[in-house]
Amino acid sequence: MTSSQFPLVRQVDVALEKLGGELKGMTAGTIVLQIRDDSVGRFGIRHLPVDCGIREQRATGMNASQVDTLRRLAVEALRHKNGWTHGEISYDFVLKNGEVSLSVQFESNYNMANLMFRYSPKNRGRREASNE
C-alpha cells in the first residue's frame, strides 16, 4: 500500500509519530514536511541551536504527553490547508512553562513547465487543424 492511498492527515500523523523519539527532550525547533501530490515525502526536524556550555540548571524538554499534544495540534492545523497539492508545511514549536506552543506555515509550490505542457500542445493542434 502506498502513502498516496492514505489521507494527508494520516500521513502527517504517522510522520510525527516517527519523529516522536527525537522530539522527546526537545524544547524548541521546526518540523518540516515536504508535500508532493498531497503525499508526505521527506520530513524531519530543524533543531534550534543547542547550547553546549556548562549550565547550572538544565532545561527539561517535552515528555511523551507533550509530544502527543504536539501531534494533535499539528494534525488539527491541516484544516487551514486548502487548494494546493505540492509544497511544504513547517511547524514551529516551543515548550513554554510546560505547555506546547505550535505555529504552522504552509508553502504552496507550482511548476509553470507542467502548466505550459498541459495547455500548449492541445490548443496548438486544434488551431492548426481548424485553419486548414
N, C-alpha and C. Protein backbone atom coordinates (compact mmCIF):
# COMPACT_ATOMS: atom_id res chain seq x y z
N MET A 1 0.85 -1.17 0.00
CA MET A 1 0.00 0.00 0.00
C MET A 1 0.89 1.24 0.00
N THR A 2 0.65 2.19 -0.89
CA THR A 2 1.47 3.39 -0.99
C THR A 2 0.93 4.50 -0.11
N SER A 3 1.80 5.49 0.15
CA SER A 3 1.38 6.60 1.01
C SER A 3 0.25 7.41 0.39
N SER A 4 0.17 7.44 -0.93
CA SER A 4 -0.88 8.23 -1.58
C SER A 4 -2.26 7.63 -1.36
N GLN A 5 -2.33 6.39 -0.87
CA GLN A 5 -3.62 5.77 -0.59
C GLN A 5 -4.15 6.17 0.78
N PHE A 6 -3.33 6.84 1.58
CA PHE A 6 -3.75 7.32 2.89
C PHE A 6 -4.01 8.81 2.82
N PRO A 7 -5.00 9.32 3.55
CA PRO A 7 -5.23 10.78 3.56
C PRO A 7 -4.02 11.51 4.13
N LEU A 8 -3.83 12.75 3.71
CA LEU A 8 -2.70 13.55 4.17
C LEU A 8 -2.69 13.65 5.69
N VAL A 9 -3.84 13.77 6.30
CA VAL A 9 -3.92 13.88 7.77
C VAL A 9 -3.27 12.67 8.42
N ARG A 10 -3.56 11.49 7.91
CA ARG A 10 -2.99 10.27 8.48
C ARG A 10 -1.48 10.21 8.23
N GLN A 11 -1.04 10.65 7.05
CA GLN A 11 0.38 10.64 6.74
C GLN A 11 1.15 11.58 7.67
N VAL A 12 0.58 12.75 7.94
CA VAL A 12 1.23 13.71 8.85
C VAL A 12 1.31 13.10 10.25
N ASP A 13 0.24 12.46 10.68
CA ASP A 13 0.23 11.82 12.00
C ASP A 13 1.31 10.75 12.09
N VAL A 14 1.45 9.93 11.05
CA VAL A 14 2.46 8.87 11.04
C VAL A 14 3.88 9.47 11.06
N ALA A 15 4.09 10.53 10.27
CA ALA A 15 5.41 11.18 10.24
C ALA A 15 5.77 11.73 11.62
N LEU A 16 4.82 12.38 12.27
CA LEU A 16 5.09 12.94 13.59
C LEU A 16 5.28 11.85 14.64
N GLU A 17 4.57 10.74 14.45
CA GLU A 17 4.77 9.60 15.36
C GLU A 17 6.19 9.06 15.21
N LYS A 18 6.67 8.99 13.99
CA LYS A 18 8.03 8.52 13.72
C LYS A 18 9.06 9.46 14.35
N LEU A 19 8.78 10.76 14.37
CA LEU A 19 9.69 11.74 14.96
C LEU A 19 9.57 11.83 16.48
N GLY A 20 8.61 11.12 17.05
CA GLY A 20 8.33 11.21 18.48
C GLY A 20 9.53 11.03 19.38
N GLY A 21 10.35 10.03 19.09
CA GLY A 21 11.53 9.79 19.91
C GLY A 21 12.51 10.94 19.87
N GLU A 22 12.65 11.55 18.72
CA GLU A 22 13.56 12.68 18.58
C GLU A 22 12.98 13.93 19.26
N LEU A 23 11.66 14.07 19.23
CA LEU A 23 11.01 15.23 19.83
C LEU A 23 11.09 15.22 21.35
N LYS A 24 11.08 14.02 21.94
CA LYS A 24 11.16 13.92 23.41
C LYS A 24 12.47 14.54 23.86
N GLY A 25 12.38 15.42 24.82
CA GLY A 25 13.56 16.09 25.35
C GLY A 25 13.87 17.41 24.67
N MET A 26 13.22 17.69 23.53
CA MET A 26 13.46 18.97 22.85
C MET A 26 12.59 20.06 23.48
N THR A 27 13.09 21.29 23.44
CA THR A 27 12.32 22.42 23.95
C THR A 27 11.83 23.33 22.84
N ALA A 28 12.44 23.25 21.64
CA ALA A 28 12.03 24.10 20.52
C ALA A 28 12.64 23.57 19.22
N GLY A 29 12.01 23.93 18.11
CA GLY A 29 12.52 23.54 16.81
C GLY A 29 11.46 23.73 15.73
N THR A 30 11.74 23.21 14.55
CA THR A 30 10.82 23.29 13.43
C THR A 30 10.71 21.93 12.78
N ILE A 31 9.50 21.44 12.65
CA ILE A 31 9.23 20.19 11.94
C ILE A 31 8.89 20.57 10.51
N VAL A 32 9.54 19.93 9.54
CA VAL A 32 9.34 20.26 8.13
C VAL A 32 8.83 19.02 7.39
N LEU A 33 7.74 19.21 6.64
CA LEU A 33 7.17 18.13 5.83
C LEU A 33 7.11 18.62 4.38
N GLN A 34 7.70 17.87 3.47
CA GLN A 34 7.61 18.22 2.05
C GLN A 34 6.45 17.43 1.45
N ILE A 35 5.58 18.14 0.75
CA ILE A 35 4.35 17.57 0.21
C ILE A 35 4.42 17.55 -1.31
N ARG A 36 4.09 16.41 -1.90
CA ARG A 36 4.02 16.28 -3.36
C ARG A 36 2.80 15.42 -3.67
N ASP A 37 1.92 15.92 -4.52
CA ASP A 37 0.68 15.22 -4.86
C ASP A 37 -0.10 14.84 -3.61
N ASP A 38 -0.19 15.75 -2.66
CA ASP A 38 -0.89 15.55 -1.39
C ASP A 38 -0.38 14.34 -0.62
N SER A 39 0.89 14.04 -0.76
CA SER A 39 1.54 12.97 -0.01
C SER A 39 2.80 13.50 0.65
N VAL A 40 3.05 13.03 1.86
CA VAL A 40 4.27 13.43 2.56
C VAL A 40 5.44 12.71 1.93
N GLY A 41 6.43 13.48 1.55
CA GLY A 41 7.68 12.91 1.02
C GLY A 41 8.70 12.89 2.14
N ARG A 42 9.62 13.82 2.07
CA ARG A 42 10.65 13.93 3.11
C ARG A 42 10.08 14.67 4.31
N PHE A 43 10.58 14.34 5.48
CA PHE A 43 10.20 15.05 6.70
C PHE A 43 11.33 14.97 7.70
N GLY A 44 11.36 15.93 8.61
CA GLY A 44 12.40 15.95 9.62
C GLY A 44 12.26 17.14 10.53
N ILE A 45 13.26 17.33 11.36
CA ILE A 45 13.25 18.42 12.35
C ILE A 45 14.47 19.30 12.13
N ARG A 46 14.24 20.61 12.13
CA ARG A 46 15.33 21.58 12.17
C ARG A 46 15.47 21.98 13.63
N HIS A 47 16.57 21.57 14.21
CA HIS A 47 16.81 21.88 15.62
C HIS A 47 17.27 23.31 15.75
N LEU A 48 16.83 23.96 16.80
CA LEU A 48 17.36 25.28 17.11
C LEU A 48 18.77 25.08 17.67
N PRO A 49 19.58 26.12 17.62
CA PRO A 49 20.95 25.96 18.13
C PRO A 49 20.95 25.40 19.55
N VAL A 50 21.89 24.51 19.79
CA VAL A 50 21.99 23.85 21.09
C VAL A 50 23.12 24.50 21.87
N ASP A 51 22.82 24.87 23.10
CA ASP A 51 23.83 25.46 23.98
C ASP A 51 24.66 24.33 24.56
N CYS A 52 25.92 24.29 24.21
CA CYS A 52 26.81 23.21 24.66
C CYS A 52 27.66 23.62 25.86
N GLY A 53 27.45 24.81 26.36
CA GLY A 53 28.24 25.28 27.51
C GLY A 53 27.79 24.62 28.80
N ILE A 54 28.52 24.87 29.84
CA ILE A 54 28.17 24.33 31.16
C ILE A 54 27.03 25.17 31.72
N ARG A 55 26.01 24.48 32.17
CA ARG A 55 24.84 25.18 32.72
C ARG A 55 24.54 24.61 34.10
N GLU A 56 24.14 25.47 34.98
CA GLU A 56 23.80 25.01 36.32
C GLU A 56 22.47 24.28 36.33
N GLN A 57 21.52 24.78 35.56
CA GLN A 57 20.20 24.18 35.56
C GLN A 57 19.85 23.77 34.13
N ARG A 58 19.61 22.51 33.93
CA ARG A 58 19.31 22.02 32.59
C ARG A 58 17.81 22.10 32.35
N ALA A 59 17.44 22.69 31.21
CA ALA A 59 16.02 22.77 30.85
C ALA A 59 15.54 21.39 30.43
N THR A 60 14.38 20.99 30.92
CA THR A 60 13.84 19.69 30.52
C THR A 60 12.98 19.90 29.28
N GLY A 61 13.05 18.95 28.40
CA GLY A 61 12.29 19.03 27.15
C GLY A 61 10.94 18.36 27.27
N MET A 62 10.33 18.13 26.12
CA MET A 62 8.99 17.56 26.08
C MET A 62 8.99 16.11 26.55
N ASN A 63 7.89 15.75 27.20
CA ASN A 63 7.68 14.37 27.58
C ASN A 63 6.71 13.74 26.57
N ALA A 64 6.38 12.47 26.75
CA ALA A 64 5.52 11.75 25.80
C ALA A 64 4.15 12.41 25.65
N SER A 65 3.57 12.87 26.74
CA SER A 65 2.26 13.52 26.69
C SER A 65 2.32 14.82 25.89
N GLN A 66 3.36 15.59 26.07
CA GLN A 66 3.51 16.85 25.34
C GLN A 66 3.76 16.60 23.85
N VAL A 67 4.49 15.53 23.52
CA VAL A 67 4.70 15.16 22.12
C VAL A 67 3.37 14.77 21.49
N ASP A 68 2.54 14.05 22.22
CA ASP A 68 1.20 13.69 21.71
C ASP A 68 0.35 14.94 21.48
N THR A 69 0.44 15.91 22.37
CA THR A 69 -0.28 17.17 22.20
C THR A 69 0.21 17.89 20.95
N LEU A 70 1.51 17.89 20.74
CA LEU A 70 2.09 18.50 19.54
C LEU A 70 1.55 17.82 18.28
N ARG A 71 1.48 16.51 18.27
CA ARG A 71 0.93 15.77 17.11
C ARG A 71 -0.52 16.16 16.86
N ARG A 72 -1.31 16.22 17.91
CA ARG A 72 -2.73 16.57 17.78
C ARG A 72 -2.89 17.98 17.21
N LEU A 73 -2.11 18.93 17.72
CA LEU A 73 -2.19 20.31 17.23
C LEU A 73 -1.76 20.40 15.77
N ALA A 74 -0.73 19.64 15.40
CA ALA A 74 -0.24 19.67 14.02
C ALA A 74 -1.27 19.11 13.05
N VAL A 75 -1.94 18.04 13.44
CA VAL A 75 -2.97 17.45 12.58
C VAL A 75 -4.18 18.39 12.48
N GLU A 76 -4.56 19.02 13.58
CA GLU A 76 -5.68 19.96 13.56
C GLU A 76 -5.38 21.16 12.67
N ALA A 77 -4.13 21.58 12.61
CA ALA A 77 -3.75 22.74 11.80
C ALA A 77 -3.95 22.49 10.30
N LEU A 78 -4.00 21.23 9.90
CA LEU A 78 -4.17 20.91 8.47
C LEU A 78 -5.51 21.40 7.91
N ARG A 79 -6.45 21.68 8.76
CA ARG A 79 -7.75 22.17 8.26
C ARG A 79 -7.60 23.53 7.56
N HIS A 80 -6.49 24.21 7.80
CA HIS A 80 -6.24 25.50 7.15
C HIS A 80 -5.58 25.35 5.78
N LYS A 81 -5.15 24.15 5.43
CA LYS A 81 -4.54 23.90 4.12
C LYS A 81 -5.66 23.62 3.13
N ASN A 82 -5.69 24.38 2.04
CA ASN A 82 -6.70 24.09 1.02
C ASN A 82 -6.24 24.54 -0.35
N GLY A 83 -6.61 23.78 -1.35
CA GLY A 83 -6.41 24.19 -2.73
C GLY A 83 -5.03 23.95 -3.32
N TRP A 84 -4.13 23.30 -2.64
CA TRP A 84 -2.82 23.02 -3.24
C TRP A 84 -2.38 21.62 -2.86
N THR A 85 -1.53 21.04 -3.72
CA THR A 85 -1.11 19.66 -3.52
C THR A 85 0.41 19.49 -3.42
N HIS A 86 1.16 20.54 -3.76
CA HIS A 86 2.62 20.48 -3.72
C HIS A 86 3.13 21.64 -2.86
N GLY A 87 4.09 21.36 -1.99
CA GLY A 87 4.67 22.44 -1.19
C GLY A 87 5.33 21.92 0.06
N GLU A 88 5.28 22.74 1.10
CA GLU A 88 5.96 22.41 2.35
C GLU A 88 5.12 22.90 3.52
N ILE A 89 5.12 22.13 4.57
CA ILE A 89 4.47 22.53 5.82
C ILE A 89 5.55 22.60 6.88
N SER A 90 5.62 23.73 7.58
CA SER A 90 6.58 23.91 8.66
C SER A 90 5.83 24.16 9.96
N TYR A 91 6.14 23.38 10.95
CA TYR A 91 5.56 23.54 12.28
C TYR A 91 6.66 24.04 13.21
N ASP A 92 6.53 25.27 13.68
CA ASP A 92 7.46 25.81 14.68
C ASP A 92 6.87 25.52 16.06
N PHE A 93 7.65 24.89 16.91
CA PHE A 93 7.15 24.56 18.24
C PHE A 93 8.12 25.03 19.31
N VAL A 94 7.55 25.29 20.46
CA VAL A 94 8.36 25.68 21.61
C VAL A 94 7.63 25.22 22.88
N LEU A 95 8.41 24.81 23.86
CA LEU A 95 7.87 24.41 25.15
C LEU A 95 8.06 25.57 26.11
N LYS A 96 6.94 26.16 26.55
CA LYS A 96 6.99 27.30 27.48
C LYS A 96 6.20 26.96 28.72
N ASN A 97 6.85 27.02 29.86
CA ASN A 97 6.20 26.77 31.14
C ASN A 97 5.41 25.47 31.13
N GLY A 98 5.95 24.44 30.49
CA GLY A 98 5.30 23.14 30.47
C GLY A 98 4.20 22.98 29.43
N GLU A 99 3.93 24.02 28.66
CA GLU A 99 2.89 23.98 27.63
C GLU A 99 3.53 24.02 26.24
N VAL A 100 3.00 23.23 25.32
CA VAL A 100 3.49 23.21 23.95
C VAL A 100 2.78 24.29 23.15
N SER A 101 3.57 25.13 22.50
CA SER A 101 3.03 26.17 21.61
C SER A 101 3.46 25.81 20.19
N LEU A 102 2.51 25.91 19.25
CA LEU A 102 2.78 25.50 17.88
C LEU A 102 2.24 26.54 16.91
N SER A 103 3.04 26.88 15.91
CA SER A 103 2.55 27.71 14.81
C SER A 103 2.89 26.98 13.52
N VAL A 104 2.08 27.20 12.50
CA VAL A 104 2.25 26.47 11.25
C VAL A 104 2.41 27.44 10.09
N GLN A 105 3.22 27.05 9.13
CA GLN A 105 3.39 27.84 7.92
C GLN A 105 3.22 26.89 6.74
N PHE A 106 2.30 27.25 5.83
CA PHE A 106 2.08 26.47 4.62
C PHE A 106 2.74 27.18 3.45
N GLU A 107 3.43 26.41 2.62
CA GLU A 107 4.04 26.97 1.41
C GLU A 107 3.57 26.12 0.24
N SER A 108 2.88 26.75 -0.71
CA SER A 108 2.44 26.02 -1.90
C SER A 108 3.45 26.24 -3.01
N ASN A 109 3.66 25.21 -3.83
CA ASN A 109 4.58 25.27 -4.95
C ASN A 109 3.87 24.84 -6.22
N TYR A 110 4.14 25.55 -7.30
CA TYR A 110 3.57 25.22 -8.61
C TYR A 110 4.71 25.19 -9.61
N ASN A 111 4.55 24.42 -10.67
CA ASN A 111 5.57 24.29 -11.70
C ASN A 111 4.99 24.78 -13.02
N MET A 112 5.45 25.92 -13.50
CA MET A 112 4.93 26.52 -14.73
C MET A 112 5.16 25.60 -15.93
N ALA A 113 6.27 24.86 -15.94
CA ALA A 113 6.54 23.96 -17.06
C ALA A 113 5.43 22.92 -17.20
N ASN A 114 4.93 22.44 -16.08
CA ASN A 114 3.83 21.47 -16.14
C ASN A 114 2.56 22.11 -16.67
N LEU A 115 2.29 23.35 -16.29
CA LEU A 115 1.10 24.04 -16.77
C LEU A 115 1.18 24.31 -18.26
N MET A 116 2.33 24.75 -18.73
CA MET A 116 2.50 25.06 -20.14
C MET A 116 2.41 23.80 -20.99
N PHE A 117 2.96 22.71 -20.48
CA PHE A 117 2.92 21.44 -21.21
C PHE A 117 1.48 20.98 -21.39
N ARG A 118 0.66 21.15 -20.37
CA ARG A 118 -0.73 20.72 -20.45
C ARG A 118 -1.55 21.54 -21.42
N TYR A 119 -1.33 22.84 -21.48
CA TYR A 119 -2.21 23.71 -22.27
C TYR A 119 -1.74 23.91 -23.70
N SER A 120 -0.46 24.06 -23.95
CA SER A 120 0.02 24.41 -25.28
C SER A 120 -0.22 23.34 -26.34
N PRO A 121 0.18 22.11 -26.16
CA PRO A 121 0.04 21.14 -27.24
C PRO A 121 -1.41 20.92 -27.68
N LYS A 122 -2.34 20.89 -26.77
CA LYS A 122 -3.74 20.66 -27.13
C LYS A 122 -4.28 21.84 -27.94
N ASN A 123 -4.04 23.06 -27.51
CA ASN A 123 -4.56 24.24 -28.21
C ASN A 123 -3.90 24.41 -29.57
N ARG A 124 -2.60 24.20 -29.67
CA ARG A 124 -1.88 24.38 -30.92
C ARG A 124 -2.41 23.40 -31.97
N GLY A 125 -2.59 22.16 -31.61
CA GLY A 125 -3.07 21.15 -32.54
C GLY A 125 -4.46 21.46 -33.05
N ARG A 126 -5.31 21.96 -32.22
CA ARG A 126 -6.69 22.28 -32.62
C ARG A 126 -6.73 23.49 -33.54
N ARG A 127 -5.88 24.50 -33.26
CA ARG A 127 -5.88 25.69 -34.13
C ARG A 127 -5.38 25.37 -35.53
N GLU A 128 -4.33 24.56 -35.59
CA GLU A 128 -3.78 24.21 -36.91
C GLU A 128 -4.79 23.41 -37.71
N ALA A 129 -5.51 22.51 -37.07
CA ALA A 129 -6.49 21.70 -37.79
C ALA A 129 -7.66 22.54 -38.28
N SER A 130 -8.06 23.55 -37.50
CA SER A 130 -9.20 24.39 -37.90
C SER A 130 -8.82 25.39 -38.97
N ASN A 131 -7.54 25.75 -39.13
CA ASN A 131 -7.10 26.70 -40.16
C ASN A 131 -6.98 26.07 -41.53
N GLU A 132 -6.94 24.78 -41.61
CA GLU A 132 -6.75 24.12 -42.90
C GLU A 132 -7.99 23.99 -43.67
